Amino acid sequence: MPLLDVPLIMLSPYRNMDIHGLTPAQIEILEMISFIKSDEMLRELKQAIASYFAQLAQAEVDRLWETGELTQEKWESFRHLHDRIPYN
């Protein structure tokens, strides 16, 4: 198995830790975060994650536009949307 295919948890000193309630993906992310050693690395990781989710959102907007589920009229209506959640 190539090293890149090995989950980081396998390389971690925390691999025997009892981590109930977390998915394998969440554990993998926690392991990656353990390698962050500076504020700059943390900023870069935050930017990478933000970019990833922005790309997902843009892909979904593009899909909705191409299928006609999102139109210019609907898009413009978002500019005036003032939905509020009642906190009763």
N, C-alpha and C. Protein backbone atom coordinates (compact mmCIF):
# COMPACT_ATOMS: atom_id res chain seq x y z
N MET A 1 0.86 -1.18 0.00
CA MET A 1 0.00 0.00 0.00
C MET A 1 0.90 1.23 0.00
N PRO A 2 0.72 2.13 -0.98
CA PRO A 2 1.51 3.36 -1.01
C PRO A 2 1.26 4.19 0.24
N LEU A 3 2.27 4.93 0.67
CA LEU A 3 2.16 5.73 1.89
C LEU A 3 0.98 6.69 1.84
N LEU A 4 0.70 7.27 0.67
CA LEU A 4 -0.41 8.22 0.57
C LEU A 4 -1.76 7.57 0.80
N ASP A 5 -1.84 6.26 0.62
CA ASP A 5 -3.09 5.55 0.83
C ASP A 5 -3.28 5.09 2.28
N VAL A 6 -2.25 5.29 3.09
CA VAL A 6 -2.32 4.88 4.48
C VAL A 6 -3.00 5.99 5.27
N PRO A 7 -4.11 5.71 5.96
CA PRO A 7 -4.74 6.75 6.77
C PRO A 7 -3.75 7.28 7.79
N LEU A 8 -3.78 8.60 8.00
CA LEU A 8 -2.85 9.21 8.94
C LEU A 8 -2.97 8.63 10.34
N ILE A 9 -4.16 8.16 10.70
CA ILE A 9 -4.35 7.59 12.03
C ILE A 9 -3.41 6.41 12.26
N MET A 10 -3.05 5.71 11.17
CA MET A 10 -2.14 4.57 11.29
C MET A 10 -0.72 5.03 11.64
N LEU A 11 -0.37 6.26 11.30
CA LEU A 11 0.96 6.79 11.56
C LEU A 11 1.04 7.55 12.88
N SER A 12 -0.07 7.76 13.51
CA SER A 12 -0.17 8.61 14.68
C SER A 12 0.13 7.87 15.97
N PRO A 13 0.72 8.58 16.93
CA PRO A 13 0.88 7.98 18.26
C PRO A 13 -0.46 7.85 18.97
N TYR A 14 -1.52 8.50 18.42
CA TYR A 14 -2.85 8.45 19.02
C TYR A 14 -3.73 7.37 18.41
N ARG A 15 -3.15 6.49 17.60
CA ARG A 15 -3.96 5.53 16.85
C ARG A 15 -4.73 4.56 17.74
N ASN A 16 -4.29 4.37 18.98
CA ASN A 16 -5.00 3.45 19.87
C ASN A 16 -5.97 4.19 20.79
N MET A 17 -6.12 5.48 20.58
CA MET A 17 -6.98 6.30 21.41
C MET A 17 -8.44 5.91 21.17
N ASP A 18 -9.23 5.94 22.22
CA ASP A 18 -10.66 5.64 22.12
C ASP A 18 -11.38 6.89 21.63
N ILE A 19 -11.84 6.88 20.37
CA ILE A 19 -12.47 8.05 19.76
C ILE A 19 -13.88 7.67 19.35
N HIS A 20 -14.76 7.52 20.31
CA HIS A 20 -16.15 7.16 20.02
C HIS A 20 -16.90 8.34 19.44
N GLY A 21 -17.81 8.06 18.53
CA GLY A 21 -18.68 9.09 17.99
C GLY A 21 -18.11 9.87 16.82
N LEU A 22 -16.86 9.66 16.46
CA LEU A 22 -16.29 10.36 15.32
C LEU A 22 -16.25 9.43 14.11
N THR A 23 -16.49 10.00 12.95
CA THR A 23 -16.41 9.22 11.73
C THR A 23 -14.94 9.06 11.33
N PRO A 24 -14.63 8.10 10.49
CA PRO A 24 -13.25 7.96 10.01
C PRO A 24 -12.73 9.25 9.35
N ALA A 25 -13.60 9.96 8.64
CA ALA A 25 -13.18 11.21 8.01
C ALA A 25 -12.82 12.26 9.06
N GLN A 26 -13.62 12.36 10.12
CA GLN A 26 -13.33 13.32 11.18
C GLN A 26 -12.01 12.99 11.88
N ILE A 27 -11.78 11.73 12.11
CA ILE A 27 -10.52 11.31 12.73
C ILE A 27 -9.35 11.67 11.83
N GLU A 28 -9.50 11.43 10.54
CA GLU A 28 -8.44 11.75 9.58
C GLU A 28 -8.12 13.25 9.59
N ILE A 29 -9.16 14.08 9.64
CA ILE A 29 -8.96 15.53 9.69
C ILE A 29 -8.24 15.92 10.98
N LEU A 30 -8.64 15.36 12.09
CA LEU A 30 -7.96 15.66 13.35
C LEU A 30 -6.48 15.28 13.28
N GLU A 31 -6.20 14.17 12.66
CA GLU A 31 -4.81 13.75 12.52
C GLU A 31 -4.02 14.74 11.66
N MET A 32 -4.62 15.21 10.58
CA MET A 32 -3.93 16.18 9.73
C MET A 32 -3.66 17.47 10.50
N ILE A 33 -4.63 17.90 11.28
CA ILE A 33 -4.49 19.13 12.05
C ILE A 33 -3.34 19.01 13.05
N SER A 34 -3.07 17.83 13.52
CA SER A 34 -1.99 17.66 14.50
C SER A 34 -0.62 18.01 13.92
N PHE A 35 -0.51 18.10 12.59
CA PHE A 35 0.77 18.45 11.97
C PHE A 35 0.95 19.97 11.82
N ILE A 36 -0.07 20.75 12.15
CA ILE A 36 0.03 22.20 12.04
C ILE A 36 0.89 22.74 13.17
N LYS A 37 1.95 23.44 12.80
CA LYS A 37 2.92 23.92 13.79
C LYS A 37 3.03 25.43 13.86
N SER A 38 2.29 26.16 13.02
CA SER A 38 2.41 27.61 13.05
C SER A 38 1.08 28.26 12.67
N ASP A 39 0.98 29.54 13.01
CA ASP A 39 -0.22 30.29 12.64
C ASP A 39 -0.36 30.35 11.12
N GLU A 40 0.75 30.46 10.42
CA GLU A 40 0.72 30.53 8.96
C GLU A 40 0.16 29.23 8.37
N MET A 41 0.58 28.10 8.91
CA MET A 41 0.05 26.81 8.43
C MET A 41 -1.45 26.73 8.69
N LEU A 42 -1.90 27.24 9.84
CA LEU A 42 -3.33 27.22 10.15
C LEU A 42 -4.10 28.11 9.19
N ARG A 43 -3.58 29.30 8.89
CA ARG A 43 -4.23 30.19 7.92
C ARG A 43 -4.34 29.53 6.55
N GLU A 44 -3.26 28.86 6.13
CA GLU A 44 -3.27 28.18 4.84
C GLU A 44 -4.30 27.06 4.81
N LEU A 45 -4.41 26.31 5.90
CA LEU A 45 -5.40 25.23 5.97
C LEU A 45 -6.81 25.81 5.92
N LYS A 46 -7.05 26.88 6.67
CA LYS A 46 -8.37 27.51 6.65
C LYS A 46 -8.72 27.99 5.25
N GLN A 47 -7.73 28.57 4.55
CA GLN A 47 -7.97 29.06 3.19
C GLN A 47 -8.27 27.89 2.25
N ALA A 48 -7.54 26.79 2.41
CA ALA A 48 -7.77 25.62 1.56
C ALA A 48 -9.17 25.05 1.78
N ILE A 49 -9.59 24.98 3.04
CA ILE A 49 -10.92 24.46 3.35
C ILE A 49 -11.99 25.40 2.82
N ALA A 50 -11.80 26.70 3.01
CA ALA A 50 -12.77 27.68 2.51
C ALA A 50 -12.87 27.60 0.98
N SER A 51 -11.74 27.47 0.31
CA SER A 51 -11.74 27.36 -1.15
C SER A 51 -12.46 26.10 -1.60
N TYR A 52 -12.23 25.00 -0.91
CA TYR A 52 -12.89 23.74 -1.25
C TYR A 52 -14.41 23.88 -1.18
N PHE A 53 -14.92 24.45 -0.08
CA PHE A 53 -16.36 24.59 0.07
C PHE A 53 -16.93 25.64 -0.88
N ALA A 54 -16.15 26.66 -1.20
CA ALA A 54 -16.60 27.65 -2.19
C ALA A 54 -16.75 26.99 -3.56
N GLN A 55 -15.81 26.12 -3.90
CA GLN A 55 -15.90 25.39 -5.18
C GLN A 55 -17.13 24.49 -5.21
N LEU A 56 -17.41 23.81 -4.10
CA LEU A 56 -18.61 22.97 -4.04
C LEU A 56 -19.87 23.81 -4.21
N ALA A 57 -19.93 24.95 -3.54
CA ALA A 57 -21.10 25.82 -3.64
C ALA A 57 -21.25 26.33 -5.07
N GLN A 58 -20.14 26.74 -5.70
CA GLN A 58 -20.20 27.25 -7.06
C GLN A 58 -20.66 26.16 -8.03
N ALA A 59 -20.18 24.95 -7.83
CA ALA A 59 -20.59 23.83 -8.68
C ALA A 59 -22.09 23.57 -8.55
N GLU A 60 -22.62 23.69 -7.34
CA GLU A 60 -24.06 23.48 -7.14
C GLU A 60 -24.87 24.61 -7.78
N VAL A 61 -24.42 25.85 -7.64
CA VAL A 61 -25.10 26.98 -8.28
C VAL A 61 -25.09 26.79 -9.79
N ASP A 62 -23.95 26.38 -10.34
CA ASP A 62 -23.85 26.14 -11.78
C ASP A 62 -24.83 25.05 -12.22
N ARG A 63 -24.92 23.98 -11.42
CA ARG A 63 -25.83 22.89 -11.75
C ARG A 63 -27.28 23.37 -11.74
N LEU A 64 -27.63 24.13 -10.70
CA LEU A 64 -28.99 24.65 -10.60
C LEU A 64 -29.31 25.58 -11.78
N TRP A 65 -28.34 26.38 -12.18
CA TRP A 65 -28.54 27.30 -13.31
C TRP A 65 -28.74 26.52 -14.60
N GLU A 66 -27.90 25.51 -14.81
CA GLU A 66 -27.97 24.72 -16.05
C GLU A 66 -29.27 23.92 -16.16
N THR A 67 -29.81 23.50 -15.02
CA THR A 67 -31.05 22.72 -15.05
C THR A 67 -32.28 23.61 -15.04
N GLY A 68 -32.08 24.92 -14.89
CA GLY A 68 -33.21 25.84 -14.86
C GLY A 68 -33.87 25.99 -13.51
N GLU A 69 -33.35 25.30 -12.50
CA GLU A 69 -33.90 25.44 -11.15
C GLU A 69 -33.58 26.81 -10.56
N LEU A 70 -32.51 27.42 -11.04
CA LEU A 70 -32.13 28.76 -10.63
C LEU A 70 -32.17 29.66 -11.85
N THR A 71 -32.92 30.73 -11.75
CA THR A 71 -33.05 31.68 -12.86
C THR A 71 -32.57 33.05 -12.41
N GLN A 72 -32.44 33.95 -13.36
CA GLN A 72 -32.03 35.31 -13.02
C GLN A 72 -33.05 35.95 -12.07
N GLU A 73 -34.32 35.69 -12.32
CA GLU A 73 -35.37 36.25 -11.46
C GLU A 73 -35.23 35.73 -10.03
N LYS A 74 -35.03 34.43 -9.89
CA LYS A 74 -34.88 33.85 -8.55
C LYS A 74 -33.61 34.37 -7.88
N TRP A 75 -32.53 34.48 -8.66
CA TRP A 75 -31.26 34.98 -8.14
C TRP A 75 -31.44 36.40 -7.60
N GLU A 76 -32.14 37.24 -8.36
CA GLU A 76 -32.38 38.62 -7.94
C GLU A 76 -33.25 38.67 -6.68
N SER A 77 -34.17 37.72 -6.56
CA SER A 77 -35.05 37.71 -5.38
C SER A 77 -34.25 37.49 -4.10
N PHE A 78 -33.10 36.83 -4.18
CA PHE A 78 -32.27 36.61 -3.00
C PHE A 78 -31.74 37.92 -2.43
N ARG A 79 -31.59 38.93 -3.28
CA ARG A 79 -31.08 40.22 -2.84
C ARG A 79 -32.04 40.89 -1.86
N HIS A 80 -33.30 40.52 -1.93
CA HIS A 80 -34.32 41.15 -1.09
C HIS A 80 -34.89 40.19 -0.06
N LEU A 81 -34.24 39.07 0.12
CA LEU A 81 -34.71 38.04 1.04
C LEU A 81 -34.39 38.47 2.47
N HIS A 82 -35.40 38.47 3.31
CA HIS A 82 -35.22 38.85 4.70
C HIS A 82 -35.91 37.84 5.62
N ASP A 83 -35.69 36.58 5.36
CA ASP A 83 -36.28 35.54 6.21
C ASP A 83 -35.61 35.59 7.58
N ARG A 84 -36.40 35.47 8.58
CA ARG A 84 -35.89 35.46 9.94
C ARG A 84 -36.44 34.22 10.65
N ILE A 85 -35.63 33.70 11.50
CA ILE A 85 -36.05 32.55 12.30
C ILE A 85 -36.67 33.09 13.59
N PRO A 86 -37.93 32.74 13.85
CA PRO A 86 -38.53 33.23 15.10
C PRO A 86 -37.92 32.51 16.31
N TYR A 87 -37.51 33.27 17.28
CA TYR A 87 -36.92 32.71 18.50
C TYR A 87 -37.91 32.87 19.64
N ASN A 88 -38.93 32.02 19.64
CA ASN A 88 -39.97 32.09 20.67
C ASN A 88 -39.71 31.10 21.76
